[in-house]
């Protein structure tokens, strides 16, 4: 190997190293998200829930504060 080949090899390895450093945090994040999703899925299956079954404990009726805010917004629009 001559000097030019060695410099080319060093440059390629350095470029590859930088690429790995940039991609590594993203890969760890994807792995972490997949693990969390798997744990959530397993917990839902343990409780007997299925993904297609939607059950909500929250009320679908807006709160008093929401009604009040909606009324004020509509009055502002009308009076403008």
N, C-alpha and C. Protein backbone atom coordinates (compact mmCIF):
# COMPACT_ATOMS: atom_id res chain seq x y z
N UNK A 1 0.84 -1.18 0.00
CA UNK A 1 0.00 0.00 0.00
C UNK A 1 0.89 1.25 0.00
N UNK A 2 0.49 2.16 -0.84
CA UNK A 2 1.25 3.41 -0.84
C UNK A 2 0.52 4.45 0.01
N UNK A 3 1.07 5.63 0.07
CA UNK A 3 0.56 6.70 0.94
C UNK A 3 -0.85 7.12 0.55
N UNK A 4 -1.12 7.21 -0.74
CA UNK A 4 -2.46 7.63 -1.18
C UNK A 4 -3.53 6.63 -0.77
N UNK A 5 -3.21 5.36 -0.86
CA UNK A 5 -4.18 4.34 -0.48
C UNK A 5 -4.44 4.37 1.03
N UNK A 6 -3.38 4.58 1.81
CA UNK A 6 -3.54 4.66 3.26
C UNK A 6 -4.39 5.87 3.64
N UNK A 7 -4.13 7.01 3.01
CA UNK A 7 -4.92 8.21 3.28
C UNK A 7 -6.38 8.00 2.89
N UNK A 8 -6.60 7.33 1.77
CA UNK A 8 -7.98 7.02 1.35
C UNK A 8 -8.68 6.11 2.34
N UNK A 9 -7.96 5.10 2.82
CA UNK A 9 -8.53 4.18 3.80
C UNK A 9 -8.86 4.90 5.10
N UNK A 10 -7.97 5.75 5.57
CA UNK A 10 -8.21 6.52 6.80
C UNK A 10 -9.43 7.43 6.61
N UNK A 11 -9.52 8.07 5.45
CA UNK A 11 -10.66 8.94 5.18
C UNK A 11 -11.97 8.17 5.15
N UNK A 12 -11.97 7.00 4.53
CA UNK A 12 -13.18 6.18 4.49
C UNK A 12 -13.58 5.72 5.88
N UNK A 13 -12.61 5.28 6.68
CA UNK A 13 -12.90 4.83 8.04
C UNK A 13 -13.42 5.97 8.91
N UNK A 14 -12.84 7.15 8.74
CA UNK A 14 -13.29 8.32 9.50
C UNK A 14 -14.72 8.69 9.10
N UNK A 15 -15.01 8.67 7.82
CA UNK A 15 -16.36 8.97 7.34
C UNK A 15 -17.36 7.94 7.87
N UNK A 16 -16.99 6.68 7.83
CA UNK A 16 -17.86 5.63 8.34
C UNK A 16 -18.08 5.79 9.85
N UNK A 17 -17.03 6.15 10.58
CA UNK A 17 -17.15 6.37 12.02
C UNK A 17 -18.10 7.52 12.34
N UNK A 18 -18.02 8.60 11.58
CA UNK A 18 -18.93 9.73 11.80
C UNK A 18 -20.36 9.32 11.50
N UNK A 19 -20.55 8.56 10.43
CA UNK A 19 -21.88 8.07 10.08
C UNK A 19 -22.46 7.22 11.20
N UNK A 20 -21.64 6.35 11.75
CA UNK A 20 -22.11 5.50 12.85
C UNK A 20 -22.49 6.35 14.06
N UNK A 21 -21.69 7.36 14.37
CA UNK A 21 -22.00 8.23 15.51
C UNK A 21 -23.30 9.00 15.30
N UNK A 22 -23.63 9.34 14.06
CA UNK A 22 -24.86 10.06 13.79
C UNK A 22 -26.08 9.14 13.81
N UNK A 23 -25.92 7.90 13.38
CA UNK A 23 -27.05 6.97 13.28
C UNK A 23 -27.31 6.26 14.60
N UNK A 24 -26.32 6.09 15.43
CA UNK A 24 -26.45 5.31 16.66
C UNK A 24 -27.54 5.82 17.61
N UNK A 25 -27.63 7.13 17.91
CA UNK A 25 -28.71 7.57 18.80
C UNK A 25 -30.10 7.28 18.24
N UNK A 26 -30.26 7.41 16.95
CA UNK A 26 -31.55 7.11 16.33
C UNK A 26 -31.88 5.63 16.46
N UNK A 27 -30.92 4.79 16.26
CA UNK A 27 -31.14 3.34 16.37
C UNK A 27 -31.52 2.97 17.80
N UNK A 28 -30.86 3.59 18.79
CA UNK A 28 -31.21 3.33 20.18
C UNK A 28 -32.63 3.79 20.48
N UNK A 29 -33.03 4.93 19.93
CA UNK A 29 -34.39 5.43 20.13
C UNK A 29 -35.44 4.51 19.54
N UNK A 30 -35.18 4.00 18.34
CA UNK A 30 -36.12 3.07 17.71
C UNK A 30 -36.24 1.80 18.54
N UNK A 31 -35.12 1.29 19.01
CA UNK A 31 -35.15 0.07 19.82
C UNK A 31 -35.91 0.30 21.13
N UNK A 32 -35.73 1.47 21.72
CA UNK A 32 -36.41 1.79 22.97
C UNK A 32 -37.92 1.90 22.74
N UNK A 33 -38.33 2.55 21.65
CA UNK A 33 -39.75 2.68 21.33
C UNK A 33 -40.39 1.32 21.08
N UNK A 34 -39.69 0.46 20.35
CA UNK A 34 -40.23 -0.87 20.08
C UNK A 34 -40.39 -1.68 21.36
N UNK A 35 -39.42 -1.54 22.28
CA UNK A 35 -39.51 -2.26 23.55
C UNK A 35 -40.69 -1.74 24.36
N UNK A 36 -40.89 -0.42 24.38
CA UNK A 36 -42.01 0.15 25.12
C UNK A 36 -43.34 -0.30 24.51
N UNK A 37 -43.43 -0.30 23.18
CA UNK A 37 -44.65 -0.76 22.52
C UNK A 37 -44.95 -2.21 22.84
N UNK A 38 -43.90 -3.02 22.86
CA UNK A 38 -44.09 -4.44 23.18
C UNK A 38 -44.58 -4.61 24.62
N UNK A 39 -44.02 -3.84 25.55
CA UNK A 39 -44.44 -3.93 26.94
C UNK A 39 -45.88 -3.48 27.11
N UNK A 40 -46.28 -2.43 26.40
CA UNK A 40 -47.66 -1.97 26.46
C UNK A 40 -48.60 -3.02 25.91
N UNK A 41 -48.24 -3.60 24.77
CA UNK A 41 -49.06 -4.64 24.16
C UNK A 41 -49.22 -5.83 25.10
N UNK A 42 -48.12 -6.25 25.73
CA UNK A 42 -48.18 -7.39 26.66
C UNK A 42 -49.05 -7.06 27.87
N UNK A 43 -48.97 -5.83 28.36
CA UNK A 43 -49.80 -5.44 29.51
C UNK A 43 -51.27 -5.42 29.13
N UNK A 44 -51.59 -4.96 27.92
CA UNK A 44 -52.98 -4.95 27.48
C UNK A 44 -53.51 -6.38 27.31
N UNK A 45 -52.69 -7.25 26.78
CA UNK A 45 -53.11 -8.64 26.63
C UNK A 45 -53.30 -9.30 27.99
N UNK A 46 -52.49 -8.93 28.95
CA UNK A 46 -52.62 -9.51 30.28
C UNK A 46 -53.92 -9.05 30.95
N UNK A 47 -54.37 -7.83 30.62
CA UNK A 47 -55.63 -7.33 31.18
C UNK A 47 -56.83 -7.82 30.39
N UNK A 48 -56.60 -8.44 29.25
CA UNK A 48 -57.68 -8.99 28.46
C UNK A 48 -58.23 -8.03 27.43
N UNK A 49 -57.57 -6.90 27.21
CA UNK A 49 -58.04 -5.95 26.21
C UNK A 49 -57.45 -6.30 24.86
N UNK A 50 -58.17 -5.97 23.81
CA UNK A 50 -57.68 -6.16 22.46
C UNK A 50 -57.50 -4.79 21.83
N UNK A 51 -56.63 -4.70 20.83
CA UNK A 51 -56.34 -3.43 20.20
C UNK A 51 -57.56 -2.85 19.49
N UNK A 52 -58.39 -3.70 18.90
CA UNK A 52 -59.54 -3.19 18.16
C UNK A 52 -60.67 -2.76 19.07
N UNK A 53 -60.63 -3.14 20.35
CA UNK A 53 -61.66 -2.76 21.30
C UNK A 53 -61.29 -1.42 21.91
N UNK A 54 -62.19 -0.45 21.76
CA UNK A 54 -61.91 0.87 22.31
C UNK A 54 -62.79 1.09 23.52
N UNK A 55 -62.15 1.25 24.67
CA UNK A 55 -62.90 1.56 25.88
C UNK A 55 -62.28 2.80 26.48
N UNK A 56 -63.15 3.72 26.85
CA UNK A 56 -62.66 4.98 27.41
C UNK A 56 -63.38 5.26 28.71
N UNK A 57 -62.64 5.64 29.71
CA UNK A 57 -63.25 5.99 30.98
C UNK A 57 -63.56 7.47 31.05
N UNK A 58 -63.10 8.24 30.06
CA UNK A 58 -63.33 9.68 30.06
C UNK A 58 -64.68 9.99 29.42
N UNK A 59 -65.30 11.02 29.91
CA UNK A 59 -66.57 11.45 29.37
C UNK A 59 -66.36 12.17 28.04
N UNK A 60 -67.30 11.99 27.13
CA UNK A 60 -67.20 12.66 25.84
C UNK A 60 -67.92 14.00 25.86
N UNK A 61 -68.60 14.33 26.95
CA UNK A 61 -69.29 15.61 27.08
C UNK A 61 -68.27 16.66 27.51
N UNK A 62 -68.24 17.81 26.84
CA UNK A 62 -67.27 18.85 27.22
C UNK A 62 -67.55 19.37 28.63
N UNK A 63 -66.51 19.81 29.28
CA UNK A 63 -66.66 20.33 30.63
C UNK A 63 -67.29 21.72 30.60
N UNK A 64 -67.64 22.24 31.76
CA UNK A 64 -68.22 23.58 31.86
C UNK A 64 -67.25 24.62 31.35
N UNK A 65 -65.97 24.45 31.65
CA UNK A 65 -64.96 25.41 31.20
C UNK A 65 -64.90 25.44 29.68
N UNK A 66 -65.07 24.29 29.04
CA UNK A 66 -65.06 24.24 27.57
C UNK A 66 -66.26 24.99 27.01
N UNK A 67 -67.44 24.78 27.61
CA UNK A 67 -68.64 25.49 27.14
C UNK A 67 -68.47 26.99 27.30
N UNK A 68 -67.92 27.41 28.44
CA UNK A 68 -67.72 28.83 28.69
C UNK A 68 -66.74 29.43 27.68
N UNK A 69 -65.64 28.73 27.44
CA UNK A 69 -64.63 29.23 26.50
C UNK A 69 -65.19 29.30 25.09
N UNK A 70 -65.99 28.32 24.68
CA UNK A 70 -66.59 28.34 23.35
C UNK A 70 -67.54 29.52 23.21
N UNK A 71 -68.34 29.78 24.25
CA UNK A 71 -69.26 30.92 24.21
C UNK A 71 -68.54 32.24 24.10
N UNK A 72 -67.45 32.38 24.82
CA UNK A 72 -66.69 33.65 24.77
C UNK A 72 -66.05 33.83 23.40
N UNK A 73 -65.55 32.74 22.82
CA UNK A 73 -64.95 32.84 21.50
C UNK A 73 -65.96 33.28 20.46
N UNK A 74 -67.16 32.69 20.52
CA UNK A 74 -68.16 33.04 19.52
C UNK A 74 -68.64 34.47 19.70
N UNK A 75 -68.73 34.98 20.94
CA UNK A 75 -69.12 36.37 21.16
C UNK A 75 -68.07 37.32 20.63
N UNK A 76 -66.79 36.96 20.80
CA UNK A 76 -65.72 37.81 20.28
C UNK A 76 -65.76 37.88 18.76
N UNK A 77 -66.06 36.77 18.11
CA UNK A 77 -66.13 36.75 16.67
C UNK A 77 -67.29 37.60 16.15
N UNK A 78 -68.42 37.54 16.86
CA UNK A 78 -69.61 38.29 16.45
C UNK A 78 -69.41 39.78 16.67
N UNK A 79 -68.80 40.16 17.80
CA UNK A 79 -68.67 41.58 18.12
C UNK A 79 -67.57 42.26 17.34
N UNK A 80 -66.69 41.53 16.69
CA UNK A 80 -65.57 42.15 15.96
C UNK A 80 -66.02 42.90 14.78
